[in-house]
C-alpha atoms as a PDB file:
ATOM      1  CA  UNK A   1     -15.658  23.700  54.613  1.00  0.00           C
ATOM      2  CA  UNK A   2     -17.435  20.363  54.318  1.00  0.00           C
ATOM      3  CA  UNK A   3     -17.976  17.531  56.771  1.00  0.00           C
ATOM      4  CA  UNK A   4     -18.405  13.859  55.928  1.00  0.00           C
ATOM      5  CA  UNK A   5     -18.908  10.672  57.913  1.00  0.00           C
ATOM      6  CA  UNK A   6     -16.844   7.627  56.983  1.00  0.00           C
ATOM      7  CA  UNK A   7     -17.081   4.001  57.989  1.00  0.00           C
ATOM      8  CA  UNK A   8     -13.557   2.647  58.455  1.00  0.00           C
ATOM      9  CA  UNK A   9     -12.248  -0.891  58.738  1.00  0.00           C
ATOM     10  CA  UNK A  10      -9.985  -1.871  61.634  1.00  0.00           C
ATOM     11  CA  UNK A  11      -6.993  -1.916  59.294  1.00  0.00           C
ATOM     12  CA  UNK A  12      -7.789   1.567  57.979  1.00  0.00           C
ATOM     13  CA  UNK A  13      -8.084   2.903  61.516  1.00  0.00           C
ATOM     14  CA  UNK A  14      -4.806   1.221  62.466  1.00  0.00           C
ATOM     15  CA  UNK A  15      -2.848   2.719  59.566  1.00  0.00           C
ATOM     16  CA  UNK A  16      -4.389   6.188  59.855  1.00  0.00           C
ATOM     17  CA  UNK A  17      -3.459   6.360  63.530  1.00  0.00           C
ATOM     18  CA  UNK A  18       0.051   5.057  62.805  1.00  0.00           C
ATOM     19  CA  UNK A  19       0.451   7.544  59.964  1.00  0.00           C
ATOM     20  CA  UNK A  20      -0.524  10.502  62.161  1.00  0.00           C
ATOM     21  CA  UNK A  21       1.722   9.331  64.997  1.00  0.00           C
ATOM     22  CA  UNK A  22       4.809   8.707  62.837  1.00  0.00           C
ATOM     23  CA  UNK A  23       4.644  11.044  59.822  1.00  0.00           C
ATOM     24  CA  UNK A  24       3.395  14.377  61.179  1.00  0.00           C
ATOM     25  CA  UNK A  25       5.136  17.504  59.883  1.00  0.00           C
ATOM     26  CA  UNK A  26       8.663  17.593  61.271  1.00  0.00           C
ATOM     27  CA  UNK A  27       8.723  13.904  62.279  1.00  0.00           C
ATOM     28  CA  UNK A  28      12.076  12.111  61.969  1.00  0.00           C
ATOM     29  CA  UNK A  29      10.438   9.457  59.771  1.00  0.00           C
ATOM     30  CA  UNK A  30       9.828  12.148  57.136  1.00  0.00           C
ATOM     31  CA  UNK A  31      13.601  12.129  56.557  1.00  0.00           C
ATOM     32  CA  UNK A  32      13.808  15.893  56.093  1.00  0.00           C
ATOM     33  CA  UNK A  33      11.200  15.988  53.326  1.00  0.00           C
ATOM     34  CA  UNK A  34       7.858  17.737  53.121  1.00  0.00           C
ATOM     35  CA  UNK A  35       4.881  15.467  52.369  1.00  0.00           C
ATOM     36  CA  UNK A  36       7.001  12.320  52.041  1.00  0.00           C
ATOM     37  CA  UNK A  37       6.247   9.176  50.118  1.00  0.00           C
ATOM     38  CA  UNK A  38       8.492   6.224  50.986  1.00  0.00           C
ATOM     39  CA  UNK A  39       9.378   4.076  47.982  1.00  0.00           C
ATOM     40  CA  UNK A  40      10.761   0.558  48.281  1.00  0.00           C
ATOM     41  CA  UNK A  41      13.259   0.053  45.469  1.00  0.00           C
ATOM     42  CA  UNK A  42      15.202  -2.965  44.256  1.00  0.00           C
ATOM     43  CA  UNK A  43      18.614  -2.878  42.639  1.00  0.00           C
ATOM     44  CA  UNK A  44      18.841  -3.683  38.937  1.00  0.00           C
ATOM     45  CA  UNK A  45      21.585  -3.471  36.321  1.00  0.00           C
ATOM     46  CA  UNK A  46      21.931  -2.137  32.809  1.00  0.00           C
ATOM     47  CA  UNK A  47      24.594  -3.726  30.628  1.00  0.00           C
ATOM     48  CA  UNK A  48      26.334  -1.180  28.412  1.00  0.00           C
ATOM     49  CA  UNK A  49      28.229  -2.824  25.519  1.00  0.00           C
ATOM     50  CA  UNK A  50      31.972  -2.298  25.753  1.00  0.00           C
ATOM     51  CA  UNK A  51      33.724   0.013  23.323  1.00  0.00           C
ATOM     52  CA  UNK A  52      37.132   1.593  23.918  1.00  0.00           C
ATOM     53  CA  UNK A  53      35.956   5.006  22.689  1.00  0.00           C
ATOM     54  CA  UNK A  54      33.551   5.394  25.630  1.00  0.00           C
ATOM     55  CA  UNK A  55      35.631   3.640  28.282  1.00  0.00           C
ATOM     56  CA  UNK A  56      36.300   6.963  30.048  1.00  0.00           C
ATOM     57  CA  UNK A  57      32.575   7.333  30.826  1.00  0.00           C
ATOM     58  CA  UNK A  58      32.257   3.938  32.524  1.00  0.00           C
ATOM     59  CA  UNK A  59      35.617   3.486  34.179  1.00  0.00           C
ATOM     60  CA  UNK A  60      33.957   3.280  37.619  1.00  0.00           C
ATOM     61  CA  UNK A  61      31.676   0.417  36.529  1.00  0.00           C
ATOM     62  CA  UNK A  62      32.884  -3.194  36.503  1.00  0.00           C
ATOM     63  CA  UNK A  63      33.184  -5.072  33.236  1.00  0.00           C
ATOM     64  CA  UNK A  64      30.976  -8.135  32.891  1.00  0.00           C
ATOM     65  CA  UNK A  65      31.251 -11.026  30.475  1.00  0.00           C
ATOM     66  CA  UNK A  66      28.915 -13.696  29.158  1.00  0.00           C
ATOM     67  CA  UNK A  67      28.958 -16.737  26.913  1.00  0.00           C
ATOM     68  CA  UNK A  68      25.177 -17.049  27.290  1.00  0.00           C
ATOM     69  CA  UNK A  69      23.369 -16.089  24.077  1.00  0.00           C
ATOM     70  CA  UNK A  70      20.246 -15.335  26.145  1.00  0.00           C
ATOM     71  CA  UNK A  71      22.258 -12.714  28.083  1.00  0.00           C
ATOM     72  CA  UNK A  72      21.070 -14.049  31.441  1.00  0.00           C
ATOM     73  CA  UNK A  73      24.313 -15.412  32.902  1.00  0.00           C
ATOM     74  CA  UNK A  74      26.982 -12.749  33.520  1.00  0.00           C
ATOM     75  CA  UNK A  75      30.414 -12.858  35.164  1.00  0.00           C
ATOM     76  CA  UNK A  76      32.477 -10.044  36.627  1.00  0.00           C
ATOM     77  CA  UNK A  77      35.418 -12.403  37.140  1.00  0.00           C
ATOM     78  CA  UNK A  78      36.908 -13.513  33.814  1.00  0.00           C
ATOM     79  CA  UNK A  79      38.637 -16.480  35.451  1.00  0.00           C
ATOM     80  CA  UNK A  80      35.330 -17.697  36.877  1.00  0.00           C
ATOM     81  CA  UNK A  81      33.755 -17.483  33.420  1.00  0.00           C
ATOM     82  CA  UNK A  82      36.490 -19.675  31.947  1.00  0.00           C
ATOM     83  CA  UNK A  83      35.954 -22.229  34.735  1.00  0.00           C
ATOM     84  CA  UNK A  84      32.188 -22.204  34.171  1.00  0.00           C
ATOM     85  CA  UNK A  85      32.693 -22.508  30.418  1.00  0.00           C
ATOM     86  CA  UNK A  86      34.804 -25.618  30.884  1.00  0.00           C
ATOM     87  CA  UNK A  87      32.071 -27.234  32.959  1.00  0.00           C
ATOM     88  CA  UNK A  88      29.315 -26.072  30.581  1.00  0.00           C
ATOM     89  CA  UNK A  89      31.070 -27.181  27.376  1.00  0.00           C
ATOM     90  CA  UNK A  90      32.645 -30.344  28.745  1.00  0.00           C
ATOM     91  CA  UNK A  91      36.138 -29.007  27.999  1.00  0.00           C
ATOM     92  CA  UNK A  92      38.598 -31.341  29.733  1.00  0.00           C
ATOM     93  CA  UNK A  93      41.658 -29.190  29.124  1.00  0.00           C
ATOM     94  CA  UNK A  94      44.055 -29.148  32.067  1.00  0.00           C
ATOM     95  CA  UNK A  95      45.823 -25.902  31.145  1.00  0.00           C
ATOM     96  CA  UNK A  96      46.048 -23.638  34.209  1.00  0.00           C
ATOM     97  CA  UNK A  97      43.497 -20.847  34.276  1.00  0.00           C
ATOM     98  CA  UNK A  98      45.011 -17.470  35.105  1.00  0.00           C
ATOM     99  CA  UNK A  99      43.543 -13.977  35.310  1.00  0.00           C
ATOM    100  CA  UNK A 100      43.675 -11.518  32.446  1.00  0.00           C
ATOM    101  CA  UNK A 101      46.141  -9.314  34.339  1.00  0.00           C
ATOM    102  CA  UNK A 102      48.492 -12.285  34.766  1.00  0.00           C
ATOM    103  CA  UNK A 103      48.497 -12.978  31.023  1.00  0.00           C
ATOM    104  CA  UNK A 104      48.139  -9.464  29.593  1.00  0.00           C
ATOM    105  CA  UNK A 105      51.033  -8.536  27.305  1.00  0.00           C
ATOM    106  CA  UNK A 106      52.400 -12.069  27.251  1.00  0.00           C
ATOM    107  CA  UNK A 107      52.722 -14.756  24.613  1.00  0.00           C
ATOM    108  CA  UNK A 108      51.165 -17.939  25.955  1.00  0.00           C
ATOM    109  CA  UNK A 109      50.288 -21.425  24.774  1.00  0.00           C
ATOM    110  CA  UNK A 110      46.595 -22.241  24.335  1.00  0.00           C
ATOM    111  CA  UNK A 111      45.043 -25.695  24.997  1.00  0.00           C
ATOM    112  CA  UNK A 112      45.772 -26.719  21.380  1.00  0.00           C
ATOM    113  CA  UNK A 113      49.457 -26.009  21.827  1.00  0.00           C
ATOM    114  CA  UNK A 114      49.426 -22.840  19.716  1.00  0.00           C
ATOM    115  CA  UNK A 115      51.250 -19.676  20.767  1.00  0.00           C
ATOM    116  CA  UNK A 116      48.988 -16.651  21.268  1.00  0.00           C
ATOM    117  CA  UNK A 117      49.584 -13.067  22.310  1.00  0.00           C
ATOM    118  CA  UNK A 118      47.121 -11.812  24.957  1.00  0.00           C
ATOM    119  CA  UNK A 119      46.555  -8.094  24.451  1.00  0.00           C
ATOM    120  CA  UNK A 120      42.873  -7.722  25.413  1.00  0.00           C
ATOM    121  CA  UNK A 121      39.936  -9.669  26.843  1.00  0.00           C
ATOM    122  CA  UNK A 122      38.994 -11.011  23.408  1.00  0.00           C
ATOM    123  CA  UNK A 123      42.464 -12.573  23.154  1.00  0.00           C
ATOM    124  CA  UNK A 124      42.175 -13.883  26.709  1.00  0.00           C
ATOM    125  CA  UNK A 125      38.921 -15.776  26.160  1.00  0.00           C
ATOM    126  CA  UNK A 126      39.970 -16.952  22.700  1.00  0.00           C
ATOM    127  CA  UNK A 127      43.126 -18.370  24.235  1.00  0.00           C
ATOM    128  CA  UNK A 128      41.022 -20.608  26.500  1.00  0.00           C
ATOM    129  CA  UNK A 129      38.564 -21.461  23.734  1.00  0.00           C
ATOM    130  CA  UNK A 130      35.703 -19.609  25.402  1.00  0.00           C
ATOM    131  CA  UNK A 131      32.939 -18.175  23.222  1.00  0.00           C
ATOM    132  CA  UNK A 132      32.657 -14.526  24.289  1.00  0.00           C
ATOM    133  CA  UNK A 133      29.117 -13.463  23.378  1.00  0.00           C
ATOM    134  CA  UNK A 134      29.234 -10.032  25.014  1.00  0.00           C
ATOM    135  CA  UNK A 135      31.392  -7.804  27.169  1.00  0.00           C
ATOM    136  CA  UNK A 136      29.632  -4.925  28.915  1.00  0.00           C
ATOM    137  CA  UNK A 137      29.864  -2.491  31.750  1.00  0.00           C
ATOM    138  CA  UNK A 138      27.533  -3.354  34.610  1.00  0.00           C
ATOM    139  CA  UNK A 139      25.728  -0.139  35.514  1.00  0.00           C
ATOM    140  CA  UNK A 140      23.479  -0.251  38.615  1.00  0.00           C
ATOM    141  CA  UNK A 141      20.161   1.521  39.018  1.00  0.00           C
ATOM    142  CA  UNK A 142      17.147   1.234  41.332  1.00  0.00           C
ATOM    143  CA  UNK A 143      13.699   0.173  40.174  1.00  0.00           C
ATOM    144  CA  UNK A 144      10.639   1.408  42.079  1.00  0.00           C
ATOM    145  CA  UNK A 145       8.647  -1.458  43.583  1.00  0.00           C
ATOM    146  CA  UNK A 146       6.080  -0.244  46.136  1.00  0.00           C
ATOM    147  CA  UNK A 147       5.118   3.140  47.683  1.00  0.00           C
ATOM    148  CA  UNK A 148       4.200   3.710  51.334  1.00  0.00           C
ATOM    149  CA  UNK A 149       2.940   6.608  53.432  1.00  0.00           C
ATOM    150  CA  UNK A 150       4.527   5.105  56.570  1.00  0.00           C
ATOM    151  CA  UNK A 151       8.283   4.489  56.736  1.00  0.00           C
ATOM    152  CA  UNK A 152       7.942   1.577  59.172  1.00  0.00           C
ATOM    153  CA  UNK A 153       5.581  -0.194  56.780  1.00  0.00           C
ATOM    154  CA  UNK A 154       8.049   0.228  53.915  1.00  0.00           C
ATOM    155  CA  UNK A 155      10.785  -1.369  56.037  1.00  0.00           C
ATOM    156  CA  UNK A 156       8.431  -4.170  57.076  1.00  0.00           C
ATOM    157  CA  UNK A 157       7.594  -4.820  53.420  1.00  0.00           C
ATOM    158  CA  UNK A 158      11.282  -5.265  52.637  1.00  0.00           C
ATOM    159  CA  UNK A 159      11.602  -7.899  55.336  1.00  0.00           C
ATOM    160  CA  UNK A 160       8.770 -10.115  54.132  1.00  0.00           C
ATOM    161  CA  UNK A 161       9.490  -9.560  50.435  1.00  0.00           C
ATOM    162  CA  UNK A 162      13.274  -9.797  50.680  1.00  0.00           C
ATOM    163  CA  UNK A 163      13.326 -13.065  48.699  1.00  0.00           C
ATOM    164  CA  UNK A 164      11.873 -11.171  45.714  1.00  0.00           C
ATOM    165  CA  UNK A 165      14.182  -8.159  46.031  1.00  0.00           C
ATOM    166  CA  UNK A 166      17.864  -7.554  45.306  1.00  0.00           C
ATOM    167  CA  UNK A 167      19.756  -5.280  47.683  1.00  0.00           C
ATOM    168  CA  UNK A 168      16.562  -3.282  48.398  1.00  0.00           C
ATOM    169  CA  UNK A 169      16.368   0.166  49.918  1.00  0.00           C
ATOM    170  CA  UNK A 170      13.749   2.691  51.012  1.00  0.00           C
ATOM    171  CA  UNK A 171      14.126   5.994  49.172  1.00  0.00           C
ATOM    172  CA  UNK A 172      11.993   8.852  50.447  1.00  0.00           C
ATOM    173  CA  UNK A 173      10.632  11.356  47.945  1.00  0.00           C
ATOM    174  CA  UNK A 174       9.121  14.723  48.790  1.00  0.00           C
ATOM    175  CA  UNK A 175       6.261  16.471  47.040  1.00  0.00           C
ATOM    176  CA  UNK A 176       8.631  19.157  45.796  1.00  0.00           C
ATOM    177  CA  UNK A 177       8.548  22.928  46.098  1.00  0.00           C
ATOM    178  CA  UNK A 178       5.240  24.811  45.744  1.00  0.00           C
ATOM    179  CA  UNK A 179       3.392  21.622  44.887  1.00  0.00           C
ATOM    180  CA  UNK A 180      -0.206  22.621  44.188  1.00  0.00           C
ATOM    181  CA  UNK A 181      -1.300  19.240  42.854  1.00  0.00           C
ATOM    182  CA  UNK A 182      -3.424  16.584  44.482  1.00  0.00           C
ATOM    183  CA  UNK A 183      -0.861  14.668  46.563  1.00  0.00           C
ATOM    184  CA  UNK A 184      -0.395  17.213  49.354  1.00  0.00           C
ATOM    185  CA  UNK A 185      -4.152  17.659  49.768  1.00  0.00           C
ATOM    186  CA  UNK A 186      -4.787  13.937  50.093  1.00  0.00           C
ATOM    187  CA  UNK A 187      -1.805  13.652  52.463  1.00  0.00           C
ATOM    188  CA  UNK A 188      -3.310  16.320  54.711  1.00  0.00           C
ATOM    189  CA  UNK A 189      -6.713  14.574  54.701  1.00  0.00           C
ATOM    190  CA  UNK A 190      -5.092  11.336  55.886  1.00  0.00           C
ATOM    191  CA  UNK A 191      -3.079  13.184  58.515  1.00  0.00           C
ATOM    192  CA  UNK A 192      -6.166  14.995  59.806  1.00  0.00           C
ATOM    193  CA  UNK A 193      -8.178  11.763  59.965  1.00  0.00           C
ATOM    194  CA  UNK A 194      -5.410   9.918  61.792  1.00  0.00           C
ATOM    195  CA  UNK A 195      -4.884  12.790  64.224  1.00  0.00           C
ATOM    196  CA  UNK A 196      -8.598  12.899  65.076  1.00  0.00           C
ATOM    197  CA  UNK A 197      -8.627   9.162  65.701  1.00  0.00           C
ATOM    198  CA  UNK A 198      -5.606   9.480  68.022  1.00  0.00           C
ATOM    199  CA  UNK A 199      -7.239  12.372  69.885  1.00  0.00           C
ATOM    200  CA  UNK A 200     -10.432  10.391  70.353  1.00  0.00           C
ATOM    201  CA  UNK A 201      -8.504   7.374  71.633  1.00  0.00           C
ATOM    202  CA  UNK A 202      -6.579   9.564  74.085  1.00  0.00           C
ATOM    203  CA  UNK A 203      -9.775  11.092  75.467  1.00  0.00           C
ATOM    204  CA  UNK A 204     -11.275   7.649  75.971  1.00  0.00           C
ATOM    205  CA  UNK A 205      -8.181   6.484  77.833  1.00  0.00           C
ATOM    206  CA  UNK A 206      -8.204   9.592  80.021  1.00  0.00           C
ATOM    207  CA  UNK A 207     -11.844   8.996  80.965  1.00  0.00           C
ATOM    208  CA  UNK A 208     -11.395   5.360  81.856  1.00  0.00           C
END
């Protein structure tokens, strides 16, 4: 065993005491994990190019469309994309914009007066004169942003960083089974330090 003396800042003392009070073994803020680390995550999306041969694998993901060659502007509503395209391109056509489901399987007249058969989304956008750059499935995932030892601090971070996050969440990870690496040892050091600080504070209060 070794003993050391540390000089701590007020902020370090504050967080160590909070950590020991909130994250001790068995605490509800551990969310049923051992040696938890609380990760703030923000929602992101992958765009998987559409192909009918793999449609079965992505049937639970919404289709998204874009006319933006920089792939930054996406639409999940095909009707909305047609409306935006008209505004973007200056198209003054007055032909009524309907959904794909309303036109699917029908022969319709496009803005140039030509008869077209709408069998798929490509036909749909072509009918309205919209340049379809890409059609993809929108697949969500979470990107790790910031780790915390204290659950309350992770939640507080979300509140003051919400403008930089998209549908954020706190996901709590455990150290895993039979983890003999460094994380659990450092976690225990912090817990011991915070516990000693809380004990010292309690003794002072009792003697006042």
